[in-house]
Amino acid sequence: MGKITINEKYCKGCNICIEYCPMKIFEQGEEPNQRGYFVPEIVHQKRCTKLMVSKHLKRNVCGLCQEMCPDFAIEIDIYAEEDNNTCQSLTAKARGLVP
């Protein structure tokens, strides 16, 4: 189905993703990251429009959270397998950074 990840290293807890997501897949985080920011949690990933239909339509649909994030902390991989916890980003693979 795909996978959404928030890179806690880059996220500053601005919650823009929470505000702009029309499907309300994010909620305010409860614990701070290493820098003291409350990183949003992905609680309803299966609701994500981009993950549900982009792969089938062969074009991007939605992805507002990723586009609006000022820190580029959100990655949406529409090709990731749902049960694959070690999925690497397509960008990293394309750059030859991961096997």
Protein backbone atom coordinates (compact mmCIF):
# COMPACT_ATOMS: atom_id res chain seq x y z
CA MET A 1 0.00 0.00 0.00
CA GLY A 2 2.85 2.41 0.67
CA LYS A 3 4.38 4.16 3.62
CA ILE A 4 4.53 7.63 5.13
CA THR A 5 7.43 8.56 7.38
CA ILE A 6 8.33 11.66 9.32
CA ASN A 7 12.04 12.18 9.79
CA GLU A 8 12.28 13.26 13.42
CA LYS A 9 15.75 14.63 12.77
CA TYR A 10 14.31 17.35 10.51
CA CYS A 11 10.84 17.91 12.00
CA LYS A 12 10.48 20.98 14.21
CA GLY A 13 6.91 20.21 15.29
CA CYS A 14 5.20 23.06 13.43
CA ASN A 15 2.13 20.83 12.82
CA ILE A 16 1.51 22.19 9.34
CA CYS A 17 0.95 18.60 8.21
CA ILE A 18 -1.82 18.22 10.78
CA GLU A 19 -3.53 21.39 9.58
CA TYR A 20 -3.30 20.71 5.84
CA CYS A 21 -4.05 16.99 5.65
CA PRO A 22 -7.65 16.68 4.40
CA MET A 23 -7.85 13.07 5.61
CA LYS A 24 -6.57 13.89 9.13
CA ILE A 25 -3.97 11.13 9.25
CA PHE A 26 -1.70 13.01 11.69
CA GLU A 27 -2.16 13.85 15.36
CA GLN A 28 -0.07 15.94 17.73
CA GLY A 29 2.87 13.97 19.11
CA GLU A 30 2.97 13.27 22.82
CA GLU A 31 6.71 12.96 23.36
CA PRO A 32 9.44 15.34 22.24
CA ASN A 33 12.21 14.31 19.88
CA GLN A 34 15.91 14.79 20.70
CA ARG A 35 15.67 18.50 19.93
CA GLY A 36 12.63 18.99 22.16
CA TYR A 37 10.02 19.27 19.40
CA PHE A 38 6.75 17.37 19.51
CA VAL A 39 6.75 15.48 16.22
CA PRO A 40 3.28 14.61 14.85
CA GLU A 41 2.28 10.96 14.85
CA ILE A 42 0.88 9.13 11.85
CA VAL A 43 -2.24 7.50 13.26
CA HIS A 44 -4.44 6.85 10.21
CA GLN A 45 -2.00 6.02 7.41
CA LYS A 46 -4.55 3.91 5.51
CA ARG A 47 -6.69 7.05 4.99
CA CYS A 48 -3.96 8.76 2.95
CA THR A 49 -5.33 9.61 -0.49
CA LYS A 50 -1.86 9.64 -2.04
CA LEU A 51 -1.13 6.12 -0.82
CA MET A 52 -4.56 4.80 -1.81
CA VAL A 53 -4.83 5.95 -5.41
CA SER A 54 -1.59 7.44 -6.77
CA LYS A 55 -0.05 4.08 -7.65
CA HIS A 56 -3.18 2.97 -9.52
CA LEU A 57 -3.71 6.26 -11.37
CA LYS A 58 0.02 6.57 -12.10
CA ARG A 59 0.01 10.20 -10.97
CA ASN A 60 0.27 12.03 -7.68
CA VAL A 61 -2.95 12.71 -5.84
CA CYS A 62 -2.81 14.98 -2.77
CA GLY A 63 0.50 14.82 -0.88
CA LEU A 64 -0.25 18.20 0.73
CA CYS A 65 1.56 17.26 3.92
CA GLN A 66 4.76 16.55 2.00
CA GLU A 67 4.45 19.67 -0.14
CA MET A 68 3.68 22.01 2.77
CA CYS A 69 6.34 20.73 5.19
CA PRO A 70 8.89 23.56 5.47
CA ASP A 71 11.56 21.16 6.73
CA PHE A 72 11.12 18.43 4.08
CA ALA A 73 10.63 15.98 6.94
CA ILE A 74 7.78 13.96 5.38
CA GLU A 75 8.40 11.19 2.89
CA ILE A 76 5.63 9.36 1.08
CA ASP A 77 6.67 6.21 -0.73
CA ILE A 78 3.70 4.91 -2.71
CA TYR A 79 5.62 1.77 -3.75
CA ALA A 80 6.71 0.59 -0.30
CA GLU A 81 5.28 -2.66 0.94
CA GLU A 82 3.06 -2.21 3.98
CA ASP A 83 4.75 -4.93 6.01
CA ASN A 84 8.30 -3.91 5.06
CA ASN A 85 9.62 -1.98 8.06
CA THR A 86 13.04 -1.52 6.49
CA CYS A 87 11.87 0.22 3.33
CA GLN A 88 14.37 2.74 1.99
CA SER A 89 13.31 5.84 0.10
CA LEU A 90 13.15 5.79 -3.69
CA THR A 91 15.30 8.91 -3.75
CA ALA A 92 18.05 7.23 -1.74
CA LYS A 93 17.93 4.21 -4.04
CA ALA A 94 18.09 6.39 -7.13
CA ARG A 95 21.15 8.18 -5.77
CA GLY A 96 22.84 4.86 -5.07
CA LEU A 97 22.96 5.54 -1.33
CA VAL A 98 21.34 2.22 -0.40
CA PRO A 99 21.46 -1.19 -2.11
